[in-house]
PDB file of N, CA and C in Angstrom:
ATOM      1  N   UNK A   1     -32.333  41.176  13.952  1.00  0.00           N
ATOM      2  CA  UNK A   1     -31.311  41.265  12.918  1.00  0.00           C
ATOM      3  C   UNK A   1     -29.967  41.399  13.602  1.00  0.00           C
ATOM      4  N   UNK A   2     -28.900  40.724  12.923  1.00  0.00           N
ATOM      5  CA  UNK A   2     -27.508  40.688  13.449  1.00  0.00           C
ATOM      6  C   UNK A   2     -26.751  41.780  12.749  1.00  0.00           C
ATOM      7  N   UNK A   3     -26.043  42.424  13.692  1.00  0.00           N
ATOM      8  CA  UNK A   3     -25.230  43.597  13.457  1.00  0.00           C
ATOM      9  C   UNK A   3     -24.167  43.154  12.675  1.00  0.00           C
ATOM     10  N   UNK A   4     -23.712  43.829  11.484  1.00  0.00           N
ATOM     11  CA  UNK A   4     -22.666  43.426  10.707  1.00  0.00           C
ATOM     12  C   UNK A   4     -21.533  44.626  10.733  1.00  0.00           C
ATOM     13  N   UNK A   5     -21.552  45.301  11.844  1.00  0.00           N
ATOM     14  CA  UNK A   5     -20.450  46.540  12.008  1.00  0.00           C
ATOM     15  C   UNK A   5     -19.049  45.737  12.128  1.00  0.00           C
ATOM     16  N   UNK A   6     -18.226  46.536  11.360  1.00  0.00           N
ATOM     17  CA  UNK A   6     -16.791  46.077  11.328  1.00  0.00           C
ATOM     18  C   UNK A   6     -15.996  46.227  12.637  1.00  0.00           C
ATOM     19  N   UNK A   7     -15.198  45.182  13.023  1.00  0.00           N
ATOM     20  CA  UNK A   7     -14.520  45.363  14.079  1.00  0.00           C
ATOM     21  C   UNK A   7     -13.105  45.528  13.861  1.00  0.00           C
ATOM     22  N   UNK A   8     -12.310  46.350  14.502  1.00  0.00           N
ATOM     23  CA  UNK A   8     -10.817  46.385  14.048  1.00  0.00           C
ATOM     24  C   UNK A   8     -10.052  44.913  14.264  1.00  0.00           C
ATOM     25  N   UNK A   9      -9.272  44.836  13.291  1.00  0.00           N
ATOM     26  CA  UNK A   9      -8.567  43.602  13.173  1.00  0.00           C
ATOM     27  C   UNK A   9      -7.604  43.133  14.438  1.00  0.00           C
ATOM     28  N   UNK A  10      -7.401  44.101  15.272  1.00  0.00           N
ATOM     29  CA  UNK A  10      -6.537  43.832  16.467  1.00  0.00           C
ATOM     30  C   UNK A  10      -7.338  43.459  17.564  1.00  0.00           C
ATOM     31  N   UNK A  11      -8.818  43.469  17.576  1.00  0.00           N
ATOM     32  CA  UNK A  11      -9.515  43.160  18.694  1.00  0.00           C
ATOM     33  C   UNK A  11     -10.267  41.801  18.563  1.00  0.00           C
ATOM     34  N   UNK A  12     -10.485  41.077  19.499  1.00  0.00           N
ATOM     35  CA  UNK A  12     -11.150  39.754  19.435  1.00  0.00           C
ATOM     36  C   UNK A  12     -12.578  39.845  19.029  1.00  0.00           C
ATOM     37  N   UNK A  13     -13.059  39.046  18.383  1.00  0.00           N
ATOM     38  CA  UNK A  13     -14.525  38.982  17.955  1.00  0.00           C
ATOM     39  C   UNK A  13     -15.213  38.064  18.807  1.00  0.00           C
ATOM     40  N   UNK A  14     -16.397  38.529  19.509  1.00  0.00           N
ATOM     41  CA  UNK A  14     -17.342  37.540  20.192  1.00  0.00           C
ATOM     42  C   UNK A  14     -18.694  37.585  19.445  1.00  0.00           C
ATOM     43  N   UNK A  15     -19.366  36.651  18.972  1.00  0.00           N
ATOM     44  CA  UNK A  15     -20.536  36.618  18.446  1.00  0.00           C
ATOM     45  C   UNK A  15     -21.682  36.165  19.410  1.00  0.00           C
ATOM     46  N   UNK A  16     -22.736  36.835  19.381  1.00  0.00           N
ATOM     47  CA  UNK A  16     -23.714  36.513  20.351  1.00  0.00           C
ATOM     48  C   UNK A  16     -25.129  36.893  19.613  1.00  0.00           C
ATOM     49  N   UNK A  17     -26.078  35.978  19.619  1.00  0.00           N
ATOM     50  CA  UNK A  17     -27.395  36.493  19.042  1.00  0.00           C
ATOM     51  C   UNK A  17     -28.562  35.649  19.960  1.00  0.00           C
ATOM     52  N   UNK A  18     -29.699  36.288  19.729  1.00  0.00           N
ATOM     53  CA  UNK A  18     -30.722  35.724  20.582  1.00  0.00           C
ATOM     54  C   UNK A  18     -31.904  35.597  19.660  1.00  0.00           C
ATOM     55  N   UNK A  19     -32.537  34.102  19.666  1.00  0.00           N
ATOM     56  CA  UNK A  19     -33.720  33.958  18.723  1.00  0.00           C
ATOM     57  C   UNK A  19     -34.918  34.665  19.307  1.00  0.00           C
ATOM     58  N   UNK A  20     -34.820  35.311  20.412  1.00  0.00           N
ATOM     59  CA  UNK A  20     -36.046  35.934  20.847  1.00  0.00           C
ATOM     60  C   UNK A  20     -36.257  37.159  20.095  1.00  0.00           C
ATOM     61  N   UNK A  21     -35.234  37.743  19.215  1.00  0.00           N
ATOM     62  CA  UNK A  21     -35.572  39.067  18.427  1.00  0.00           C
ATOM     63  C   UNK A  21     -35.771  38.711  17.083  1.00  0.00           C
ATOM     64  N   UNK A  22     -35.724  37.379  16.478  1.00  0.00           N
ATOM     65  CA  UNK A  22     -35.998  36.936  15.315  1.00  0.00           C
ATOM     66  C   UNK A  22     -37.473  36.947  15.195  1.00  0.00           C
ATOM     67  N   UNK A  23     -37.858  37.484  13.993  1.00  0.00           N
ATOM     68  CA  UNK A  23     -39.358  37.192  13.836  1.00  0.00           C
ATOM     69  C   UNK A  23     -39.851  35.635  13.774  1.00  0.00           C
ATOM     70  N   UNK A  24     -40.958  35.307  14.102  1.00  0.00           N
ATOM     71  CA  UNK A  24     -41.411  33.936  14.063  1.00  0.00           C
ATOM     72  C   UNK A  24     -41.204  33.184  12.527  1.00  0.00           C
ATOM     73  N   UNK A  25     -40.486  32.052  12.551  1.00  0.00           N
ATOM     74  CA  UNK A  25     -40.548  31.282  11.251  1.00  0.00           C
ATOM     75  C   UNK A  25     -39.349  31.836  10.311  1.00  0.00           C
ATOM     76  N   UNK A  26     -38.812  33.127  10.654  1.00  0.00           N
ATOM     77  CA  UNK A  26     -37.791  33.612   9.927  1.00  0.00           C
ATOM     78  C   UNK A  26     -36.451  32.890  10.131  1.00  0.00           C
ATOM     79  N   UNK A  27     -35.577  32.472   9.272  1.00  0.00           N
ATOM     80  CA  UNK A  27     -34.269  31.956   9.653  1.00  0.00           C
ATOM     81  C   UNK A  27     -33.415  33.174   9.996  1.00  0.00           C
ATOM     82  N   UNK A  28     -32.300  33.037  10.911  1.00  0.00           N
ATOM     83  CA  UNK A  28     -31.520  33.952  11.277  1.00  0.00           C
ATOM     84  C   UNK A  28     -30.670  34.321  10.139  1.00  0.00           C
ATOM     85  N   UNK A  29     -30.180  35.406  10.003  1.00  0.00           N
ATOM     86  CA  UNK A  29     -29.447  35.933   8.844  1.00  0.00           C
ATOM     87  C   UNK A  29     -27.994  35.305   8.990  1.00  0.00           C
ATOM     88  N   UNK A  30     -27.399  34.916   7.865  1.00  0.00           N
ATOM     89  CA  UNK A  30     -26.099  34.407   7.871  1.00  0.00           C
ATOM     90  C   UNK A  30     -25.194  35.697   7.895  1.00  0.00           C
ATOM     91  N   UNK A  31     -24.096  35.540   8.689  1.00  0.00           N
ATOM     92  CA  UNK A  31     -23.204  36.812   8.827  1.00  0.00           C
ATOM     93  C   UNK A  31     -22.320  36.610   7.524  1.00  0.00           C
ATOM     94  N   UNK A  32     -21.827  37.753   7.075  1.00  0.00           N
ATOM     95  CA  UNK A  32     -21.201  37.879   5.758  1.00  0.00           C
ATOM     96  C   UNK A  32     -19.679  37.479   6.301  1.00  0.00           C
ATOM     97  N   UNK A  33     -19.060  36.835   5.371  1.00  0.00           N
ATOM     98  CA  UNK A  33     -17.536  36.591   5.754  1.00  0.00           C
ATOM     99  C   UNK A  33     -16.743  38.135   5.778  1.00  0.00           C
ATOM    100  N   UNK A  34     -17.296  39.034   5.141  1.00  0.00           N
ATOM    101  CA  UNK A  34     -16.532  40.179   5.129  1.00  0.00           C
ATOM    102  C   UNK A  34     -16.785  40.994   6.259  1.00  0.00           C
ATOM    103  N   UNK A  35     -17.958  40.718   7.037  1.00  0.00           N
ATOM    104  CA  UNK A  35     -18.108  41.383   8.274  1.00  0.00           C
ATOM    105  C   UNK A  35     -17.276  40.976   9.388  1.00  0.00           C
ATOM    106  N   UNK A  36     -16.595  39.722   9.204  1.00  0.00           N
ATOM    107  CA  UNK A  36     -15.743  39.112  10.147  1.00  0.00           C
ATOM    108  C   UNK A  36     -14.437  38.804   9.460  1.00  0.00           C
ATOM    109  N   UNK A  37     -13.567  39.725   9.010  1.00  0.00           N
ATOM    110  CA  UNK A  37     -12.416  39.497   8.339  1.00  0.00           C
ATOM    111  C   UNK A  37     -11.446  38.562   9.101  1.00  0.00           C
ATOM    112  N   UNK A  38     -11.320  38.652  10.333  1.00  0.00           N
ATOM    113  CA  UNK A  38     -10.488  37.870  11.072  1.00  0.00           C
ATOM    114  C   UNK A  38     -11.039  36.224  11.088  1.00  0.00           C
ATOM    115  N   UNK A  39     -12.191  36.345  11.348  1.00  0.00           N
ATOM    116  CA  UNK A  39     -12.749  34.848  11.247  1.00  0.00           C
ATOM    117  C   UNK A  39     -12.629  34.320   9.758  1.00  0.00           C
ATOM    118  N   UNK A  40     -12.746  35.174   8.810  1.00  0.00           N
ATOM    119  CA  UNK A  40     -12.753  34.576   7.363  1.00  0.00           C
ATOM    120  C   UNK A  40     -11.218  34.303   7.176  1.00  0.00           C
ATOM    121  N   UNK A  41     -10.176  34.854   7.763  1.00  0.00           N
ATOM    122  CA  UNK A  41      -8.700  34.847   7.541  1.00  0.00           C
ATOM    123  C   UNK A  41      -8.326  33.513   8.418  1.00  0.00           C
ATOM    124  N   UNK A  42      -8.956  33.272   9.674  1.00  0.00           N
ATOM    125  CA  UNK A  42      -8.768  31.963  10.242  1.00  0.00           C
ATOM    126  C   UNK A  42      -9.260  30.862   9.598  1.00  0.00           C
ATOM    127  N   UNK A  43     -10.489  31.057   9.099  1.00  0.00           N
ATOM    128  CA  UNK A  43     -11.053  29.841   8.260  1.00  0.00           C
ATOM    129  C   UNK A  43     -10.146  29.473   7.172  1.00  0.00           C
ATOM    130  N   UNK A  44      -9.767  30.474   6.364  1.00  0.00           N
ATOM    131  CA  UNK A  44      -8.933  30.270   5.258  1.00  0.00           C
ATOM    132  C   UNK A  44      -7.533  29.715   5.709  1.00  0.00           C
ATOM    133  N   UNK A  45      -7.075  30.075   6.670  1.00  0.00           N
ATOM    134  CA  UNK A  45      -5.721  29.448   7.249  1.00  0.00           C
ATOM    135  C   UNK A  45      -6.022  28.168   7.747  1.00  0.00           C
ATOM    136  N   UNK A  46      -6.993  27.836   8.201  1.00  0.00           N
ATOM    137  CA  UNK A  46      -7.337  26.439   8.718  1.00  0.00           C
ATOM    138  C   UNK A  46      -7.450  25.500   7.575  1.00  0.00           C
ATOM    139  N   UNK A  47      -8.261  26.028   6.555  1.00  0.00           N
ATOM    140  CA  UNK A  47      -8.561  25.240   5.538  1.00  0.00           C
ATOM    141  C   UNK A  47      -7.218  24.924   4.608  1.00  0.00           C
ATOM    142  N   UNK A  48      -6.510  25.849   4.467  1.00  0.00           N
ATOM    143  CA  UNK A  48      -5.134  25.630   3.890  1.00  0.00           C
ATOM    144  C   UNK A  48      -4.220  24.740   4.683  1.00  0.00           C
ATOM    145  N   UNK A  49      -4.243  24.788   5.964  1.00  0.00           N
ATOM    146  CA  UNK A  49      -3.487  23.806   6.954  1.00  0.00           C
ATOM    147  C   UNK A  49      -4.055  22.394   6.728  1.00  0.00           C
ATOM    148  N   UNK A  50      -5.443  22.387   6.666  1.00  0.00           N
ATOM    149  CA  UNK A  50      -5.985  21.119   6.394  1.00  0.00           C
ATOM    150  C   UNK A  50      -5.604  20.446   5.071  1.00  0.00           C
ATOM    151  N   UNK A  51      -5.556  21.402   3.895  1.00  0.00           N
ATOM    152  CA  UNK A  51      -5.279  20.922   2.651  1.00  0.00           C
ATOM    153  C   UNK A  51      -3.913  20.352   2.602  1.00  0.00           C
ATOM    154  N   UNK A  52      -2.925  21.048   3.251  1.00  0.00           N
ATOM    155  CA  UNK A  52      -1.420  20.552   3.198  1.00  0.00           C
ATOM    156  C   UNK A  52      -1.447  19.466   4.056  1.00  0.00           C
ATOM    157  N   UNK A  53      -2.190  19.231   4.966  1.00  0.00           N
ATOM    158  CA  UNK A  53      -1.933  17.969   5.891  1.00  0.00           C
ATOM    159  C   UNK A  53      -2.513  16.833   4.844  1.00  0.00           C
ATOM    160  N   UNK A  54      -3.538  16.975   4.333  1.00  0.00           N
ATOM    161  CA  UNK A  54      -4.150  16.058   3.398  1.00  0.00           C
ATOM    162  C   UNK A  54      -3.109  15.710   2.164  1.00  0.00           C
ATOM    163  N   UNK A  55      -2.475  16.680   1.657  1.00  0.00           N
ATOM    164  CA  UNK A  55      -1.594  16.595   0.572  1.00  0.00           C
ATOM    165  C   UNK A  55      -0.335  15.731   1.156  1.00  0.00           C
ATOM    166  N   UNK A  56       0.063  16.013   2.354  1.00  0.00           N
ATOM    167  CA  UNK A  56       1.288  15.192   3.036  1.00  0.00           C
ATOM    168  C   UNK A  56       0.937  13.893   3.244  1.00  0.00           C
ATOM    169  N   UNK A  57      -0.399  13.525   3.699  1.00  0.00           N
ATOM    170  CA  UNK A  57      -0.970  12.289   3.939  1.00  0.00           C
ATOM    171  C   UNK A  57      -0.952  11.574   2.636  1.00  0.00           C
ATOM    172  N   UNK A  58      -1.534  12.105   1.596  1.00  0.00           N
ATOM    173  CA  UNK A  58      -1.748  11.594   0.289  1.00  0.00           C
ATOM    174  C   UNK A  58      -0.247  11.112  -0.187  1.00  0.00           C
ATOM    175  N   UNK A  59       0.671  12.066  -0.148  1.00  0.00           N
ATOM    176  CA  UNK A  59       2.019  11.635  -0.591  1.00  0.00           C
ATOM    177  C   UNK A  59       2.615  10.671   0.196  1.00  0.00           C
ATOM    178  N   UNK A  60       2.401  10.610   1.458  1.00  0.00           N
ATOM    179  CA  UNK A  60       3.038   9.492   2.265  1.00  0.00           C
ATOM    180  C   UNK A  60       2.352   8.203   1.942  1.00  0.00           C
ATOM    181  N   UNK A  61       0.970   8.096   1.612  1.00  0.00           N
ATOM    182  CA  UNK A  61       0.398   6.984   1.280  1.00  0.00           C
ATOM    183  C   UNK A  61       0.840   6.482  -0.173  1.00  0.00           C
ATOM    184  N   UNK A  62       1.154   7.376  -1.004  1.00  0.00           N
ATOM    185  CA  UNK A  62       1.552   7.230  -2.371  1.00  0.00           C
ATOM    186  C   UNK A  62       2.986   6.485  -2.324  1.00  0.00           C
ATOM    187  N   UNK A  63       3.940   7.189  -1.524  1.00  0.00           N
ATOM    188  CA  UNK A  63       5.185   6.600  -1.431  1.00  0.00           C
ATOM    189  C   UNK A  63       5.028   4.966  -0.741  1.00  0.00           C
ATOM    190  N   UNK A  64       4.089   4.878   0.149  1.00  0.00           N
ATOM    191  CA  UNK A  64       4.024   3.631   0.824  1.00  0.00           C
ATOM    192  C   UNK A  64       3.584   2.538  -0.277  1.00  0.00           C
ATOM    193  N   UNK A  65       2.457   2.937  -1.026  1.00  0.00           N
ATOM    194  CA  UNK A  65       2.013   2.056  -2.212  1.00  0.00           C
ATOM    195  C   UNK A  65       3.025   1.821  -3.098  1.00  0.00           C
ATOM    196  N   UNK A  66       3.910   2.784  -3.513  1.00  0.00           N
ATOM    197  CA  UNK A  66       4.807   2.355  -4.601  1.00  0.00           C
ATOM    198  C   UNK A  66       6.017   1.509  -3.907  1.00  0.00           C
ATOM    199  N   UNK A  67       6.262   1.700  -2.772  1.00  0.00           N
ATOM    200  CA  UNK A  67       7.280   0.858  -1.989  1.00  0.00           C
ATOM    201  C   UNK A  67       6.710  -0.615  -1.953  1.00  0.00           C
ATOM    202  N   UNK A  68       5.265  -0.741  -1.591  1.00  0.00           N
ATOM    203  CA  UNK A  68       4.708  -2.142  -1.624  1.00  0.00           C
ATOM    204  C   UNK A  68       4.757  -2.699  -3.007  1.00  0.00           C
ATOM    205  N   UNK A  69       4.540  -1.797  -4.117  1.00  0.00           N
ATOM    206  CA  UNK A  69       4.497  -2.331  -5.414  1.00  0.00           C
ATOM    207  C   UNK A  69       5.883  -2.827  -5.839  1.00  0.00           C
ATOM    208  N   UNK A  70       6.778  -1.978  -5.460  1.00  0.00           N
ATOM    209  CA  UNK A  70       8.161  -2.369  -5.833  1.00  0.00           C
ATOM    210  C   UNK A  70       8.579  -3.676  -5.065  1.00  0.00           C
ATOM    211  N   UNK A  71       8.066  -3.890  -3.958  1.00  0.00           N
ATOM    212  CA  UNK A  71       8.255  -5.164  -3.138  1.00  0.00           C
ATOM    213  C   UNK A  71       7.666  -6.211  -3.756  1.00  0.00           C
ATOM    214  N   UNK A  72       6.354  -6.100  -4.162  1.00  0.00           N
ATOM    215  CA  UNK A  72       5.609  -7.109  -4.629  1.00  0.00           C
ATOM    216  C   UNK A  72       6.252  -7.582  -6.256  1.00  0.00           C
ATOM    217  N   UNK A  73       6.753  -6.671  -6.940  1.00  0.00           N
ATOM    218  CA  UNK A  73       7.590  -6.998  -8.194  1.00  0.00           C
ATOM    219  C   UNK A  73       8.852  -7.707  -8.038  1.00  0.00           C
ATOM    220  N   UNK A  74       9.490  -7.290  -6.838  1.00  0.00           N
ATOM    221  CA  UNK A  74      10.744  -8.108  -6.478  1.00  0.00           C
ATOM    222  C   UNK A  74      10.302  -9.545  -6.174  1.00  0.00           C
ATOM    223  N   UNK A  75       9.389  -9.686  -5.271  1.00  0.00           N
ATOM    224  CA  UNK A  75       8.960 -10.965  -4.809  1.00  0.00           C
ATOM    225  C   UNK A  75       8.674 -11.719  -6.004  1.00  0.00           C
ATOM    226  N   UNK A  76       7.855 -11.132  -7.018  1.00  0.00           N
ATOM    227  CA  UNK A  76       7.392 -11.801  -8.202  1.00  0.00           C
ATOM    228  C   UNK A  76       8.462 -12.411  -9.071  1.00  0.00           C
ATOM    229  N   UNK A  77       9.461 -11.435  -9.086  1.00  0.00           N
ATOM    230  CA  UNK A  77      10.779 -11.842  -9.919  1.00  0.00           C
ATOM    231  C   UNK A  77      11.509 -12.983  -9.226  1.00  0.00           C
ATOM    232  N   UNK A  78      11.581 -12.872  -7.817  1.00  0.00           N
ATOM    233  CA  UNK A  78      12.196 -13.963  -7.052  1.00  0.00           C
ATOM    234  C   UNK A  78      11.480 -15.277  -7.252  1.00  0.00           C
ATOM    235  N   UNK A  79      10.135 -15.193  -7.295  1.00  0.00           N
ATOM    236  CA  UNK A  79       9.233 -16.491  -7.384  1.00  0.00           C
ATOM    237  C   UNK A  79       9.527 -17.060  -8.753  1.00  0.00           C
ATOM    238  N   UNK A  80       9.697 -16.101  -9.902  1.00  0.00           N
ATOM    239  CA  UNK A  80      10.048 -16.516 -11.191  1.00  0.00           C
ATOM    240  C   UNK A  80      11.309 -17.256 -11.151  1.00  0.00           C
ATOM    241  N   UNK A  81      12.249 -16.613 -10.542  1.00  0.00           N
ATOM    242  CA  UNK A  81      13.589 -17.213 -10.599  1.00  0.00           C
ATOM    243  C   UNK A  81      13.612 -18.482  -9.764  1.00  0.00           C
ATOM    244  N   UNK A  82      12.939 -18.775  -8.691  1.00  0.00           N
ATOM    245  CA  UNK A  82      12.679 -19.912  -7.904  1.00  0.00           C
ATOM    246  C   UNK A  82      12.091 -21.142  -8.758  1.00  0.00           C
ATOM    247  N   UNK A  83      11.073 -20.592  -9.628  1.00  0.00           N
ATOM    248  CA  UNK A  83      10.398 -21.580 -10.438  1.00  0.00           C
ATOM    249  C   UNK A  83      11.184 -22.093 -11.527  1.00  0.00           C
ATOM    250  N   UNK A  84      12.170 -21.210 -12.161  1.00  0.00           N
ATOM    251  CA  UNK A  84      13.043 -21.590 -13.061  1.00  0.00           C
ATOM    252  C   UNK A  84      14.153 -22.500 -12.556  1.00  0.00           C
ATOM    253  N   UNK A  85      14.620 -22.188 -11.294  1.00  0.00           N
ATOM    254  CA  UNK A  85      15.575 -23.201 -10.647  1.00  0.00           C
ATOM    255  C   UNK A  85      14.979 -24.470 -10.321  1.00  0.00           C
ATOM    256  N   UNK A  86      13.664 -24.470  -9.817  1.00  0.00           N
ATOM    257  CA  UNK A  86      13.114 -25.679  -9.522  1.00  0.00           C
ATOM    258  C   UNK A  86      12.896 -26.681 -10.781  1.00  0.00           C
ATOM    259  N   UNK A  87      12.477 -26.016 -11.798  1.00  0.00           N
ATOM    260  CA  UNK A  87      12.423 -26.705 -13.147  1.00  0.00           C
ATOM    261  C   UNK A  87      13.601 -27.490 -13.574  1.00  0.00           C
ATOM    262  N   UNK A  88      14.845 -26.531 -13.441  1.00  0.00           N
ATOM    263  CA  UNK A  88      16.123 -27.051 -13.717  1.00  0.00           C
ATOM    264  C   UNK A  88      16.552 -28.356 -12.767  1.00  0.00           C
ATOM    265  N   UNK A  89      16.223 -28.020 -11.509  1.00  0.00           N
ATOM    266  CA  UNK A  89      16.520 -29.206 -10.466  1.00  0.00           C
ATOM    267  C   UNK A  89      15.708 -30.299 -10.862  1.00  0.00           C
ATOM    268  N   UNK A  90      14.507 -30.226 -11.272  1.00  0.00           N
ATOM    269  CA  UNK A  90      13.575 -31.401 -11.591  1.00  0.00           C
ATOM    270  C   UNK A  90      14.172 -32.052 -12.843  1.00  0.00           C
ATOM    271  N   UNK A  91      14.489 -31.226 -13.681  1.00  0.00           N
ATOM    272  CA  UNK A  91      15.029 -31.955 -14.926  1.00  0.00           C
ATOM    273  C   UNK A  91      16.395 -32.773 -14.507  1.00  0.00           C
ATOM    274  N   UNK A  92      17.252 -32.099 -13.738  1.00  0.00           N
ATOM    275  CA  UNK A  92      18.374 -32.815 -13.427  1.00  0.00           C
ATOM    276  C   UNK A  92      18.098 -34.125 -12.423  1.00  0.00           C
ATOM    277  N   UNK A  93      17.182 -34.005 -11.714  1.00  0.00           N
ATOM    278  CA  UNK A  93      16.800 -35.116 -11.014  1.00  0.00           C
ATOM    279  C   UNK A  93      16.197 -36.443 -11.796  1.00  0.00           C
ATOM    280  N   UNK A  94      15.585 -35.883 -12.860  1.00  0.00           N
ATOM    281  CA  UNK A  94      15.089 -37.058 -13.875  1.00  0.00           C
ATOM    282  C   UNK A  94      16.348 -37.751 -14.584  1.00  0.00           C
ATOM    283  N   UNK A  95      17.127 -36.727 -14.941  1.00  0.00           N
ATOM    284  CA  UNK A  95      18.239 -37.309 -15.486  1.00  0.00           C
ATOM    285  C   UNK A  95      19.174 -38.284 -14.601  1.00  0.00           C
ATOM    286  N   UNK A  96      19.411 -37.845 -13.445  1.00  0.00           N
ATOM    287  CA  UNK A  96      20.104 -38.728 -12.549  1.00  0.00           C
ATOM    288  C   UNK A  96      19.310 -40.080 -12.027  1.00  0.00           C
ATOM    289  N   UNK A  97      18.188 -40.006 -12.063  1.00  0.00           N
ATOM    290  CA  UNK A  97      17.229 -41.123 -11.902  1.00  0.00           C
ATOM    291  C   UNK A  97      17.498 -42.090 -13.042  1.00  0.00           C
ATOM    292  N   UNK A  98      17.542 -41.556 -14.337  1.00  0.00           N
ATOM    293  CA  UNK A  98      17.682 -42.377 -15.389  1.00  0.00           C
ATOM    294  C   UNK A  98      19.047 -43.030 -15.404  1.00  0.00           C
ATOM    295  N   UNK A  99      19.914 -42.233 -15.119  1.00  0.00           N
ATOM    296  CA  UNK A  99      21.327 -42.720 -14.981  1.00  0.00           C
ATOM    297  C   UNK A  99      21.495 -43.723 -13.713  1.00  0.00           C
ATOM    298  N   UNK A 100      20.859 -43.684 -12.676  1.00  0.00           N
ATOM    299  CA  UNK A 100      20.883 -44.725 -11.658  1.00  0.00           C
ATOM    300  C   UNK A 100      20.209 -45.953 -12.111  1.00  0.00           C
ATOM    301  N   UNK A 101      19.118 -45.683 -12.789  1.00  0.00           N
ATOM    302  CA  UNK A 101      18.325 -47.017 -13.338  1.00  0.00           C
ATOM    303  C   UNK A 101      19.284 -47.813 -14.376  1.00  0.00           C
ATOM    304  N   UNK A 102      20.077 -47.250 -15.249  1.00  0.00           N
ATOM    305  CA  UNK A 102      20.827 -47.825 -16.065  1.00  0.00           C
ATOM    306  C   UNK A 102      22.072 -48.419 -15.458  1.00  0.00           C
ATOM    307  N   UNK A 103      22.554 -47.799 -14.353  1.00  0.00           N
ATOM    308  CA  UNK A 103      23.712 -48.357 -13.559  1.00  0.00           C
ATOM    309  C   UNK A 103      23.245 -49.544 -12.735  1.00  0.00           C
ATOM    310  N   UNK A 104      22.210 -49.528 -12.346  1.00  0.00           N
ATOM    311  CA  UNK A 104      21.648 -50.821 -11.631  1.00  0.00           C
ATOM    312  C   UNK A 104      21.366 -51.893 -12.637  1.00  0.00           C
ATOM    313  N   UNK A 105      20.803 -51.602 -13.748  1.00  0.00           N
ATOM    314  CA  UNK A 105      20.717 -52.534 -14.762  1.00  0.00           C
ATOM    315  C   UNK A 105      21.966 -53.137 -15.190  1.00  0.00           C
ATOM    316  N   UNK A 106      22.975 -52.390 -15.410  1.00  0.00           N
ATOM    317  CA  UNK A 106      24.202 -52.680 -15.905  1.00  0.00           C
ATOM    318  C   UNK A 106      24.849 -53.573 -14.839  1.00  0.00           C
ATOM    319  N   UNK A 107      24.763 -53.080 -13.497  1.00  0.00           N
ATOM    320  CA  UNK A 107      25.339 -53.861 -12.313  1.00  0.00           C
ATOM    321  C   UNK A 107      24.836 -55.174 -12.254  1.00  0.00           C
ATOM    322  N   UNK A 108      23.335 -55.271 -12.508  1.00  0.00           N
ATOM    323  CA  UNK A 108      22.843 -56.709 -12.604  1.00  0.00           C
ATOM    324  C   UNK A 108      23.224 -57.561 -13.589  1.00  0.00           C
ATOM    325  N   UNK A 109      23.632 -57.132 -14.710  1.00  0.00           N
ATOM    326  CA  UNK A 109      24.088 -57.793 -15.844  1.00  0.00           C
ATOM    327  C   UNK A 109      25.471 -58.393 -15.450  1.00  0.00           C
ATOM    328  N   UNK A 110      26.354 -57.430 -14.900  1.00  0.00           N
ATOM    329  CA  UNK A 110      27.581 -57.824 -14.312  1.00  0.00           C
ATOM    330  C   UNK A 110      27.682 -58.972 -13.293  1.00  0.00           C
ATOM    331  N   UNK A 111      26.619 -58.813 -12.347  1.00  0.00           N
ATOM    332  CA  UNK A 111      26.652 -59.672 -11.365  1.00  0.00           C
ATOM    333  C   UNK A 111      26.202 -61.112 -11.847  1.00  0.00           C
ATOM    334  N   UNK A 112      25.137 -61.197 -12.703  1.00  0.00           N
ATOM    335  CA  UNK A 112      24.957 -62.304 -13.391  1.00  0.00           C
ATOM    336  C   UNK A 112      26.037 -62.943 -14.055  1.00  0.00           C
ATOM    337  N   UNK A 113      26.858 -62.248 -14.907  1.00  0.00           N
ATOM    338  CA  UNK A 113      28.005 -62.632 -15.645  1.00  0.00           C
ATOM    339  C   UNK A 113      29.106 -63.102 -14.616  1.00  0.00           C
ATOM    340  N   UNK A 114      29.271 -62.551 -13.625  1.00  0.00           N
ATOM    341  CA  UNK A 114      30.325 -62.972 -12.528  1.00  0.00           C
ATOM    342  C   UNK A 114      29.792 -64.311 -11.886  1.00  0.00           C
ATOM    343  N   UNK A 115      28.412 -64.332 -11.579  1.00  0.00           N
ATOM    344  CA  UNK A 115      27.839 -65.928 -10.964  1.00  0.00           C
ATOM    345  C   UNK A 115      28.037 -66.910 -12.156  1.00  0.00           C
ATOM    346  N   UNK A 116      27.909 -66.598 -13.441  1.00  0.00           N
ATOM    347  CA  UNK A 116      28.052 -67.661 -14.389  1.00  0.00           C
ATOM    348  C   UNK A 116      29.653 -68.080 -14.433  1.00  0.00           C
ATOM    349  N   UNK A 117      30.534 -67.111 -14.345  1.00  0.00           N
ATOM    350  CA  UNK A 117      31.889 -67.554 -14.275  1.00  0.00           C
ATOM    351  C   UNK A 117      32.211 -68.379 -13.070  1.00  0.00           C
ATOM    352  N   UNK A 118      31.696 -67.778 -11.990  1.00  0.00           N
ATOM    353  CA  UNK A 118      31.956 -68.679 -10.840  1.00  0.00           C
ATOM    354  C   UNK A 118      31.281 -70.068 -10.823  1.00  0.00           C
ATOM    355  N   UNK A 119      29.981 -70.186 -11.376  1.00  0.00           N
ATOM    356  CA  UNK A 119      29.592 -71.443 -11.501  1.00  0.00           C
ATOM    357  C   UNK A 119      30.186 -72.384 -12.459  1.00  0.00           C
ATOM    358  N   UNK A 120      30.863 -71.857 -13.408  1.00  0.00           N
ATOM    359  CA  UNK A 120      31.511 -72.707 -14.372  1.00  0.00           C
ATOM    360  C   UNK A 120      32.922 -73.056 -14.139  1.00  0.00           C
ATOM    361  N   UNK A 121      33.489 -72.451 -13.265  1.00  0.00           N
ATOM    362  CA  UNK A 121      34.955 -72.852 -12.692  1.00  0.00           C
ATOM    363  C   UNK A 121      34.957 -73.963 -11.930  1.00  0.00           C
TER     364      UNK A 121
END
């Protein structure tokens, strides 16, 4: 049997036990957290520190994800703007090609008229 005597808080606690004193097949007794108040306090402090660390990590991850989402939204907006500009330039290019073909056609007519004048004189 493990002793559960209280130890003053200002003294370090050493835990030692032997399986030689336990009856066969009987599991060793679990020490009560109240029997080791320093250990219980250290455990609570450690768990609190761990929880704070996890919270800080989660907040950092959240900030990073929000930043990535904002960047993705910006890029999506940029892509949409580029798509609109591309469409406008494509339409302008069609208009210019049409104007060019009309000019080529008109130039060809003028060339033919000029040749006729040169041939008739």
